[in-house]
Amino acid sequence: QVRLVESGGGLVQAGGSLRLSCAASGFTIRAYNMAWYRQASGKERELVADITRAGSTNYVGTVKGRFTISRDSAGNVLYLHMNSLKPEDTARYLCNTKDAWRAPWGQGTQVTVSP
């Protein structure tokens, strides 16, 4: 069964850090270009960071230098390390492929950053 389960979110003060995890099952993340997305309340979902099949990474400008995307291919887990968090990072974070094929969206994990 193809499934994505995100975890690791929570409430943190501005300047703090979190590590998000995305456990994939039913497919191999290394075979796809993978990405983290986020959706803030009342806003559209946006791509935050992606990692290609070859391992190259890309970030949206607002998180560049603060967030790091990585993968544990052996464990089939995608990570997002978030440092220097800002209130504007508050959103529900979800993972999925960046390719034409997408897995069913998971529930995501809520990140709330207080001032």
Protein backbone atom coordinates (compact mmCIF):
# COMPACT_ATOMS: atom_id res chain seq x y z
CA GLN A 1 0.00 0.00 0.00
CA VAL A 2 1.37 3.39 -1.01
CA ARG A 3 1.43 5.67 1.98
CA LEU A 4 3.16 8.77 3.38
CA VAL A 5 3.27 9.51 7.10
CA GLU A 6 4.71 12.81 8.27
CA SER A 7 5.80 13.48 11.85
CA GLY A 8 7.98 15.73 13.97
CA GLY A 9 6.00 18.95 13.98
CA GLY A 10 5.05 20.92 17.05
CA LEU A 11 5.05 24.28 18.76
CA VAL A 12 8.38 26.06 18.91
CA GLN A 13 9.57 29.57 19.67
CA ALA A 14 11.06 31.74 16.98
CA GLY A 15 14.69 30.84 16.48
CA GLY A 16 14.13 27.24 17.41
CA SER A 17 14.60 24.06 15.41
CA LEU A 18 12.60 21.03 14.40
CA ARG A 19 13.24 17.91 12.35
CA LEU A 20 10.38 16.60 10.29
CA SER A 21 10.22 13.02 9.04
CA CYS A 22 8.27 11.48 6.20
CA ALA A 23 8.05 7.70 6.20
CA ALA A 24 7.15 6.28 2.81
CA SER A 25 5.77 2.82 2.15
CA GLY A 26 4.75 1.08 -1.03
CA PHE A 27 7.36 2.84 -3.14
CA THR A 28 11.05 3.77 -2.95
CA ILE A 29 11.78 7.46 -2.37
CA ARG A 30 15.16 7.22 -4.07
CA ALA A 31 13.40 6.41 -7.34
CA TYR A 32 11.65 9.78 -7.33
CA ASN A 33 12.38 13.46 -6.99
CA MET A 34 10.99 14.08 -3.52
CA ALA A 35 9.81 17.30 -1.92
CA TRP A 36 8.48 18.93 1.19
CA TYR A 37 5.48 21.19 0.80
CA ARG A 38 3.68 23.42 3.26
CA GLN A 39 0.28 24.97 3.46
CA ALA A 40 -0.48 27.82 5.79
CA SER A 41 -4.02 28.56 6.83
CA GLY A 42 -5.89 30.28 4.02
CA LYS A 43 -3.01 29.96 1.59
CA GLU A 44 -2.14 27.66 -1.25
CA ARG A 45 0.27 24.79 -0.84
CA GLU A 46 3.84 25.74 -1.73
CA LEU A 47 6.92 23.70 -2.42
CA VAL A 48 9.56 24.35 0.23
CA ALA A 49 12.44 22.06 -0.66
CA ASP A 50 13.17 19.18 -2.98
CA ILE A 51 15.81 16.54 -3.48
CA THR A 52 16.37 14.96 -6.86
CA ARG A 53 16.97 11.28 -7.56
CA ALA A 54 20.64 12.18 -7.91
CA GLY A 55 20.70 13.86 -4.52
CA SER A 56 20.76 17.51 -5.54
CA THR A 57 18.73 19.83 -3.35
CA ASN A 58 16.75 23.00 -4.02
CA TYR A 59 15.00 25.43 -1.70
CA VAL A 60 12.50 28.23 -1.96
CA GLY A 61 14.20 31.53 -1.21
CA THR A 62 12.41 32.11 2.08
CA VAL A 63 13.95 29.00 3.67
CA LYS A 64 17.31 28.83 1.94
CA GLY A 65 20.11 28.64 4.49
CA ARG A 66 17.73 27.62 7.28
CA PHE A 67 16.18 24.35 6.08
CA THR A 68 17.91 21.19 4.90
CA ILE A 69 16.22 18.34 3.06
CA SER A 70 17.73 14.88 3.22
CA ARG A 71 16.76 11.27 2.82
CA ASP A 72 17.55 8.00 4.46
CA SER A 73 17.21 5.73 1.48
CA ALA A 74 17.83 2.59 3.46
CA GLY A 75 14.94 3.42 5.74
CA ASN A 76 12.86 5.06 3.01
CA VAL A 77 12.47 8.23 5.04
CA LEU A 78 12.60 11.86 3.92
CA TYR A 79 13.69 14.53 6.40
CA LEU A 80 13.44 18.28 6.71
CA HIS A 81 15.77 19.90 9.23
CA MET A 82 14.49 23.36 10.09
CA ASN A 83 16.62 25.89 11.93
CA SER A 84 16.11 29.55 12.85
CA LEU A 85 12.37 29.12 12.57
CA LYS A 86 10.21 32.18 12.05
CA PRO A 87 6.51 32.77 12.73
CA GLU A 88 5.94 32.87 8.97
CA ASP A 89 7.07 29.23 8.80
CA THR A 90 3.87 28.25 10.60
CA ALA A 91 2.03 25.79 8.37
CA ARG A 92 1.12 22.16 7.86
CA TYR A 93 4.06 20.39 6.25
CA LEU A 94 3.58 17.51 3.84
CA CYS A 95 5.86 15.41 1.68
CA ASN A 96 5.34 13.87 -1.72
CA THR A 97 7.09 13.39 -5.00
CA LYS A 98 7.78 16.32 -7.27
CA ASP A 99 7.09 14.11 -10.29
CA ALA A 100 4.02 13.51 -12.41
CA TRP A 101 3.20 10.52 -10.23
CA ARG A 102 2.19 11.45 -6.72
CA ALA A 103 1.48 9.25 -3.75
CA PRO A 104 -1.77 9.84 -1.87
CA TRP A 105 -1.23 12.85 0.37
CA GLY A 106 -0.66 12.11 4.03
CA GLN A 107 -2.09 14.05 6.95
CA GLY A 108 0.97 16.24 7.22
CA THR A 109 2.48 17.56 10.41
CA GLN A 110 1.67 20.95 11.93
CA VAL A 111 4.49 23.37 12.68
CA THR A 112 3.62 26.40 14.76
CA VAL A 113 6.25 29.04 15.49
CA SER A 114 5.48 31.56 18.21
CA PRO A 115 7.06 35.05 18.21
